[in-house]
Amino acid sequence: MAAPRTETFRTLASPSRVELLHLLQERDRRTLAELVEATGLHPNTVREHLQRLTRGGYVTSIVETRTTRGRPRTLYSAATGADVETNDDVARKVASATERGDLLRRYLESTVPTPTARLPEGALRQIDALDDHLDQSGFNACIDEAALRVDITDCPYQDMVAESHGMVCVVHLGLVRTVLSQAGGPVTARALLPFSGPGCCTLSLECGRRES
């Protein structure tokens, strides 16, 4: 059964919002006028999309500091790992995902043998945050901590992949990297391989160090 369509899915289900987020992932601190020119959309439409992306935590904005006359412009950027330092919502989300992951891990360890090698604590926190992100985004994901591989099925954006020429996959890899960075730890996302199997995509991770 496919995962339910969540608010996260609805935010990113728009090709125009995916395109805007892709532009901001490529280069930050873009103005509304620059995004309008790049997309060809009406300014009010771009503004509404940016507001939706901002509410979802995917985009941040600041007002530029001007030393000359004129109204300061708003500069938009894709959210990054640095946002956790100033975003209480992100911090709470990471903490909640970690708590759920710890409870599940303790239950599993009480019923199956403990593996001989474990990821460091920081890496486990990242894996928990990633699992929560994928679940909230509507994916069905199977995470292999030992192999640092995530097999993803039931992609809610599958119909958009061809339409966006794979842009939605590039955007989601950027989001995964942001989630891992916000959680803080040695795990990074190496690649996202679309359609690595029938109805399946594969996210490959790497970890700077392990505990034995």
C-alpha atoms as a PDB file:
ATOM      1  CA  MET A   1       0.000   0.000   0.000  1.00  0.00           C
ATOM      2  CA  ALA A   2       1.344   3.427  -0.943  1.00  0.00           C
ATOM      3  CA  ALA A   3       2.107   5.871   1.832  1.00  0.00           C
ATOM      4  CA  PRO A   4      -0.536   8.556   2.442  1.00  0.00           C
ATOM      5  CA  ARG A   5      -0.196  11.891   0.676  1.00  0.00           C
ATOM      6  CA  THR A   6       1.098  14.294   3.313  1.00  0.00           C
ATOM      7  CA  GLU A   7       1.471  18.064   3.493  1.00  0.00           C
ATOM      8  CA  THR A   8       5.111  17.549   2.471  1.00  0.00           C
ATOM      9  CA  PHE A   9       3.974  15.782  -0.682  1.00  0.00           C
ATOM     10  CA  ARG A  10       1.420  18.477  -1.472  1.00  0.00           C
ATOM     11  CA  THR A  11       4.051  21.197  -1.118  1.00  0.00           C
ATOM     12  CA  LEU A  12       6.397  19.542  -3.604  1.00  0.00           C
ATOM     13  CA  ALA A  13       3.719  18.161  -5.931  1.00  0.00           C
ATOM     14  CA  SER A  14       3.804  21.348  -8.005  1.00  0.00           C
ATOM     15  CA  PRO A  15       6.295  21.312 -10.927  1.00  0.00           C
ATOM     16  CA  SER A  16       6.644  25.089 -10.560  1.00  0.00           C
ATOM     17  CA  ARG A  17       7.629  24.805  -6.887  1.00  0.00           C
ATOM     18  CA  VAL A  18      10.093  22.043  -7.748  1.00  0.00           C
ATOM     19  CA  GLU A  19      11.626  24.297 -10.414  1.00  0.00           C
ATOM     20  CA  LEU A  20      11.906  27.218  -7.976  1.00  0.00           C
ATOM     21  CA  LEU A  21      13.525  25.039  -5.334  1.00  0.00           C
ATOM     22  CA  HIS A  22      15.944  23.658  -7.930  1.00  0.00           C
ATOM     23  CA  LEU A  23      16.955  27.196  -8.919  1.00  0.00           C
ATOM     24  CA  LEU A  24      17.592  28.091  -5.269  1.00  0.00           C
ATOM     25  CA  GLN A  25      19.572  24.910  -4.679  1.00  0.00           C
ATOM     26  CA  GLU A  26      21.792  25.873  -7.626  1.00  0.00           C
ATOM     27  CA  ARG A  27      22.371  29.423  -6.368  1.00  0.00           C
ATOM     28  CA  ASP A  28      21.120  31.069  -3.209  1.00  0.00           C
ATOM     29  CA  ARG A  29      20.103  34.646  -2.430  1.00  0.00           C
ATOM     30  CA  ARG A  30      17.995  35.132  -5.532  1.00  0.00           C
ATOM     31  CA  THR A  31      15.467  37.933  -5.750  1.00  0.00           C
ATOM     32  CA  LEU A  32      11.826  37.612  -6.718  1.00  0.00           C
ATOM     33  CA  ALA A  33      12.570  39.366 -10.010  1.00  0.00           C
ATOM     34  CA  GLU A  34      15.354  36.894 -10.828  1.00  0.00           C
ATOM     35  CA  LEU A  35      13.080  33.927 -10.141  1.00  0.00           C
ATOM     36  CA  VAL A  36      10.297  35.446 -12.233  1.00  0.00           C
ATOM     37  CA  GLU A  37      12.695  35.905 -15.144  1.00  0.00           C
ATOM     38  CA  ALA A  38      14.065  32.362 -14.801  1.00  0.00           C
ATOM     39  CA  THR A  39      10.655  30.673 -14.671  1.00  0.00           C
ATOM     40  CA  GLY A  40       8.512  32.966 -16.794  1.00  0.00           C
ATOM     41  CA  LEU A  41       5.785  32.850 -14.132  1.00  0.00           C
ATOM     42  CA  HIS A  42       3.761  35.842 -12.952  1.00  0.00           C
ATOM     43  CA  PRO A  43       5.317  37.619  -9.932  1.00  0.00           C
ATOM     44  CA  ASN A  44       2.272  36.926  -7.763  1.00  0.00           C
ATOM     45  CA  THR A  45       2.438  33.227  -8.670  1.00  0.00           C
ATOM     46  CA  VAL A  46       6.134  33.035  -7.785  1.00  0.00           C
ATOM     47  CA  ARG A  47       5.482  34.884  -4.543  1.00  0.00           C
ATOM     48  CA  GLU A  48       2.738  32.433  -3.575  1.00  0.00           C
ATOM     49  CA  HIS A  49       4.943  29.442  -4.376  1.00  0.00           C
ATOM     50  CA  LEU A  50       7.796  30.895  -2.322  1.00  0.00           C
ATOM     51  CA  GLN A  51       5.465  31.453   0.620  1.00  0.00           C
ATOM     52  CA  ARG A  52       4.357  27.813   0.416  1.00  0.00           C
ATOM     53  CA  LEU A  53       7.961  26.581   0.231  1.00  0.00           C
ATOM     54  CA  THR A  54       8.922  28.814   3.141  1.00  0.00           C
ATOM     55  CA  ARG A  55       6.076  27.495   5.305  1.00  0.00           C
ATOM     56  CA  GLY A  56       7.213  23.970   4.468  1.00  0.00           C
ATOM     57  CA  GLY A  57      10.767  24.727   5.626  1.00  0.00           C
ATOM     58  CA  TYR A  58      12.341  24.333   2.175  1.00  0.00           C
ATOM     59  CA  VAL A  59      13.155  27.998   1.564  1.00  0.00           C
ATOM     60  CA  THR A  60      14.492  30.780   3.774  1.00  0.00           C
ATOM     61  CA  SER A  61      14.576  34.509   3.124  1.00  0.00           C
ATOM     62  CA  ILE A  62      16.380  37.571   4.383  1.00  0.00           C
ATOM     63  CA  VAL A  63      16.033  41.259   3.633  1.00  0.00           C
ATOM     64  CA  GLU A  64      19.203  42.652   2.107  1.00  0.00           C
ATOM     65  CA  THR A  65      21.134  45.441   3.761  1.00  0.00           C
ATOM     66  CA  ARG A  66      21.341  48.447   1.470  1.00  0.00           C
ATOM     67  CA  THR A  67      23.801  51.297   1.669  1.00  0.00           C
ATOM     68  CA  THR A  68      22.072  53.240  -1.094  1.00  0.00           C
ATOM     69  CA  ARG A  69      18.570  54.581  -1.578  1.00  0.00           C
ATOM     70  CA  GLY A  70      15.832  52.204  -2.555  1.00  0.00           C
ATOM     71  CA  ARG A  71      13.605  49.600  -1.015  1.00  0.00           C
ATOM     72  CA  PRO A  72      15.592  46.610   0.332  1.00  0.00           C
ATOM     73  CA  ARG A  73      14.964  43.430  -1.641  1.00  0.00           C
ATOM     74  CA  THR A  74      14.054  40.061  -0.173  1.00  0.00           C
ATOM     75  CA  LEU A  75      16.647  37.399  -0.982  1.00  0.00           C
ATOM     76  CA  TYR A  76      15.551  33.759  -1.156  1.00  0.00           C
ATOM     77  CA  SER A  77      17.686  30.667  -0.536  1.00  0.00           C
ATOM     78  CA  ALA A  78      17.149  26.931  -0.245  1.00  0.00           C
ATOM     79  CA  ALA A  79      17.205  25.753   3.374  1.00  0.00           C
ATOM     80  CA  THR A  80      20.511  24.260   4.476  1.00  0.00           C
ATOM     81  CA  GLY A  81      21.995  22.431   7.435  1.00  0.00           C
ATOM     82  CA  ALA A  82      22.861  25.745   9.063  1.00  0.00           C
ATOM     83  CA  ASP A  83      19.147  26.396   9.559  1.00  0.00           C
ATOM     84  CA  VAL A  84      18.984  24.042  12.531  1.00  0.00           C
ATOM     85  CA  GLU A  85      20.887  26.600  14.599  1.00  0.00           C
ATOM     86  CA  THR A  86      18.175  29.226  14.156  1.00  0.00           C
ATOM     87  CA  ASN A  87      15.083  27.148  13.368  1.00  0.00           C
ATOM     88  CA  ASP A  88      13.397  25.680  16.439  1.00  0.00           C
ATOM     89  CA  ASP A  89      10.967  23.714  14.259  1.00  0.00           C
ATOM     90  CA  VAL A  90      13.847  21.893  12.558  1.00  0.00           C
ATOM     91  CA  ALA A  91      15.511  21.169  15.890  1.00  0.00           C
ATOM     92  CA  ARG A  92      12.273  19.772  17.348  1.00  0.00           C
ATOM     93  CA  LYS A  93      11.692  17.617  14.284  1.00  0.00           C
ATOM     94  CA  VAL A  94      15.189  16.120  14.496  1.00  0.00           C
ATOM     95  CA  ALA A  95      14.773  15.453  18.237  1.00  0.00           C
ATOM     96  CA  SER A  96      11.384  13.797  17.694  1.00  0.00           C
ATOM     97  CA  ALA A  97      12.711  11.557  14.917  1.00  0.00           C
ATOM     98  CA  THR A  98      15.684  10.584  17.079  1.00  0.00           C
ATOM     99  CA  GLU A  99      13.443   9.653  20.009  1.00  0.00           C
ATOM    100  CA  ARG A 100      11.265   7.426  17.823  1.00  0.00           C
ATOM    101  CA  GLY A 101      14.322   5.826  16.267  1.00  0.00           C
ATOM    102  CA  ASP A 102      15.873   5.097  19.666  1.00  0.00           C
ATOM    103  CA  LEU A 103      12.675   3.437  20.903  1.00  0.00           C
ATOM    104  CA  LEU A 104      12.433   1.250  17.812  1.00  0.00           C
ATOM    105  CA  ARG A 105      16.135   0.366  17.941  1.00  0.00           C
ATOM    106  CA  ARG A 106      15.949  -0.670  21.606  1.00  0.00           C
ATOM    107  CA  TYR A 107      12.961  -2.881  20.825  1.00  0.00           C
ATOM    108  CA  LEU A 108      14.724  -4.546  17.900  1.00  0.00           C
ATOM    109  CA  GLU A 109      17.907  -5.083  19.902  1.00  0.00           C
ATOM    110  CA  SER A 110      15.884  -6.846  22.597  1.00  0.00           C
ATOM    111  CA  THR A 111      14.561  -9.346  20.069  1.00  0.00           C
ATOM    112  CA  VAL A 112      17.488  -9.853  17.667  1.00  0.00           C
ATOM    113  CA  PRO A 113      21.274 -10.107  18.204  1.00  0.00           C
ATOM    114  CA  THR A 114      23.158  -6.802  18.328  1.00  0.00           C
ATOM    115  CA  PRO A 115      25.302  -6.348  15.178  1.00  0.00           C
ATOM    116  CA  THR A 116      29.048  -6.463  15.589  1.00  0.00           C
ATOM    117  CA  ALA A 117      29.467  -3.018  14.087  1.00  0.00           C
ATOM    118  CA  ARG A 118      27.296   0.023  14.710  1.00  0.00           C
ATOM    119  CA  LEU A 119      27.046   3.458  13.266  1.00  0.00           C
ATOM    120  CA  PRO A 120      28.151   6.231  15.636  1.00  0.00           C
ATOM    121  CA  GLU A 121      25.445   8.034  17.595  1.00  0.00           C
ATOM    122  CA  GLY A 122      25.479  11.067  15.343  1.00  0.00           C
ATOM    123  CA  ALA A 123      24.982   8.863  12.294  1.00  0.00           C
ATOM    124  CA  LEU A 124      22.038   7.080  13.909  1.00  0.00           C
ATOM    125  CA  ARG A 125      20.432  10.462  14.575  1.00  0.00           C
ATOM    126  CA  GLN A 126      20.841  11.308  10.894  1.00  0.00           C
ATOM    127  CA  ILE A 127      19.374   7.977   9.779  1.00  0.00           C
ATOM    128  CA  ASP A 128      16.361   8.540  12.037  1.00  0.00           C
ATOM    129  CA  ALA A 129      15.840  12.046  10.620  1.00  0.00           C
ATOM    130  CA  LEU A 130      16.130  10.689   7.066  1.00  0.00           C
ATOM    131  CA  ASP A 131      13.636   7.910   7.791  1.00  0.00           C
ATOM    132  CA  ASP A 132      11.186  10.468   9.177  1.00  0.00           C
ATOM    133  CA  HIS A 133      11.657  12.744   6.160  1.00  0.00           C
ATOM    134  CA  LEU A 134      11.008   9.936   3.681  1.00  0.00           C
ATOM    135  CA  ASP A 135       7.943   8.783   5.600  1.00  0.00           C
ATOM    136  CA  GLN A 136       6.515  12.304   5.816  1.00  0.00           C
ATOM    137  CA  SER A 137       7.198  12.794   2.096  1.00  0.00           C
ATOM    138  CA  GLY A 138       5.080   9.765   1.226  1.00  0.00           C
ATOM    139  CA  PHE A 139       7.827   7.289   0.304  1.00  0.00           C
ATOM    140  CA  ASN A 140       8.070   3.656   1.357  1.00  0.00           C
ATOM    141  CA  ALA A 141      11.730   3.284   2.332  1.00  0.00           C
ATOM    142  CA  CYS A 142      13.798   0.347   3.539  1.00  0.00           C
ATOM    143  CA  ILE A 143      17.019   1.538   5.184  1.00  0.00           C
ATOM    144  CA  ASP A 144      19.965  -0.870   5.386  1.00  0.00           C
ATOM    145  CA  GLU A 145      22.200   0.744   8.028  1.00  0.00           C
ATOM    146  CA  ALA A 146      25.007  -1.777   7.497  1.00  0.00           C
ATOM    147  CA  ALA A 147      25.178  -1.247   3.744  1.00  0.00           C
ATOM    148  CA  LEU A 148      24.320   2.467   3.982  1.00  0.00           C
ATOM    149  CA  ARG A 149      21.699   1.980   1.313  1.00  0.00           C
ATOM    150  CA  VAL A 150      18.076   3.080   1.140  1.00  0.00           C
ATOM    151  CA  ASP A 151      15.691   1.290  -1.219  1.00  0.00           C
ATOM    152  CA  ILE A 152      12.755   3.571  -2.008  1.00  0.00           C
ATOM    153  CA  THR A 153       9.439   2.463  -3.464  1.00  0.00           C
ATOM    154  CA  ASP A 154       5.980   3.990  -3.916  1.00  0.00           C
ATOM    155  CA  CYS A 155       7.478   7.295  -5.037  1.00  0.00           C
ATOM    156  CA  PRO A 156       4.629   9.836  -4.921  1.00  0.00           C
ATOM    157  CA  TYR A 157       6.438  11.974  -7.511  1.00  0.00           C
ATOM    158  CA  GLN A 158       6.865   9.223 -10.108  1.00  0.00           C
ATOM    159  CA  ASP A 159       4.552  10.901 -12.606  1.00  0.00           C
ATOM    160  CA  MET A 160       6.598  14.102 -12.336  1.00  0.00           C
ATOM    161  CA  VAL A 161       9.983  12.491 -13.086  1.00  0.00           C
ATOM    162  CA  ALA A 162       9.555  12.359 -16.866  1.00  0.00           C
ATOM    163  CA  GLU A 163       7.754  15.703 -16.980  1.00  0.00           C
ATOM    164  CA  SER A 164      10.550  17.436 -15.085  1.00  0.00           C
ATOM    165  CA  HIS A 165      13.313  15.550 -16.952  1.00  0.00           C
ATOM    166  CA  GLY A 166      14.588  14.178 -13.659  1.00  0.00           C
ATOM    167  CA  MET A 167      14.683  17.581 -11.942  1.00  0.00           C
ATOM    168  CA  VAL A 168      12.455  16.328  -9.133  1.00  0.00           C
ATOM    169  CA  CYS A 169      15.050  13.620  -8.338  1.00  0.00           C
ATOM    170  CA  VAL A 170      17.868  16.184  -8.246  1.00  0.00           C
ATOM    171  CA  VAL A 171      15.781  18.397  -5.953  1.00  0.00           C
ATOM    172  CA  HIS A 172      14.980  15.525  -3.625  1.00  0.00           C
ATOM    173  CA  LEU A 173      18.639  14.501  -3.375  1.00  0.00           C
ATOM    174  CA  GLY A 174      19.334  18.081  -2.311  1.00  0.00           C
ATOM    175  CA  LEU A 175      16.581  17.827   0.315  1.00  0.00           C
ATOM    176  CA  VAL A 176      18.028  14.561   1.630  1.00  0.00           C
ATOM    177  CA  ARG A 177      21.440  16.191   1.969  1.00  0.00           C
ATOM    178  CA  THR A 178      19.838  19.081   3.846  1.00  0.00           C
ATOM    179  CA  VAL A 179      18.047  16.700   6.232  1.00  0.00           C
ATOM    180  CA  LEU A 180      21.287  14.826   6.969  1.00  0.00           C
ATOM    181  CA  SER A 181      23.169  18.087   7.465  1.00  0.00           C
ATOM    182  CA  GLN A 182      20.509  19.508   9.768  1.00  0.00           C
ATOM    183  CA  ALA A 183      20.600  16.362  11.925  1.00  0.00           C
ATOM    184  CA  GLY A 184      24.386  16.704  12.249  1.00  0.00           C
ATOM    185  CA  GLY A 185      26.763  13.762  11.904  1.00  0.00           C
ATOM    186  CA  PRO A 186      29.184  11.935   9.583  1.00  0.00           C
ATOM    187  CA  VAL A 187      26.650  10.528   7.102  1.00  0.00           C
ATOM    188  CA  THR A 188      26.286  12.143   3.685  1.00  0.00           C
ATOM    189  CA  ALA A 189      24.205  11.261   0.638  1.00  0.00           C
ATOM    190  CA  ARG A 190      26.374  10.098  -2.224  1.00  0.00           C
ATOM    191  CA  ALA A 191      23.851   9.527  -5.007  1.00  0.00           C
ATOM    192  CA  LEU A 192      20.215   8.907  -5.799  1.00  0.00           C
ATOM    193  CA  LEU A 193      19.729   6.342  -8.547  1.00  0.00           C
ATOM    194  CA  PRO A 194      16.257   6.610 -10.114  1.00  0.00           C
ATOM    195  CA  PHE A 195      14.634   3.372 -11.256  1.00  0.00           C
ATOM    196  CA  SER A 196      17.454   1.149 -10.025  1.00  0.00           C
ATOM    197  CA  GLY A 197      14.904  -1.667 -10.078  1.00  0.00           C
ATOM    198  CA  PRO A 198      11.246  -2.211 -10.972  1.00  0.00           C
ATOM    199  CA  GLY A 199       9.373   0.555  -9.169  1.00  0.00           C
ATOM    200  CA  CYS A 200      12.408   1.201  -6.984  1.00  0.00           C
ATOM    201  CA  CYS A 201      15.031   3.917  -6.552  1.00  0.00           C
ATOM    202  CA  THR A 202      18.206   3.598  -4.511  1.00  0.00           C
ATOM    203  CA  LEU A 203      19.777   6.224  -2.268  1.00  0.00           C
ATOM    204  CA  SER A 204      23.412   5.490  -1.464  1.00  0.00           C
ATOM    205  CA  LEU A 205      24.958   6.960   1.687  1.00  0.00           C
ATOM    206  CA  GLU A 206      28.457   7.126   3.095  1.00  0.00           C
ATOM    207  CA  CYS A 207      29.766   7.529   6.625  1.00  0.00           C
ATOM    208  CA  GLY A 208      33.047   9.050   7.699  1.00  0.00           C
ATOM    209  CA  ARG A 209      33.565   6.629  10.598  1.00  0.00           C
ATOM    210  CA  ARG A 210      31.980   3.662  12.334  1.00  0.00           C
ATOM    211  CA  GLU A 211      32.003   2.229  15.833  1.00  0.00           C
ATOM    212  CA  SER A 212      33.010  -1.377  16.462  1.00  0.00           C
END
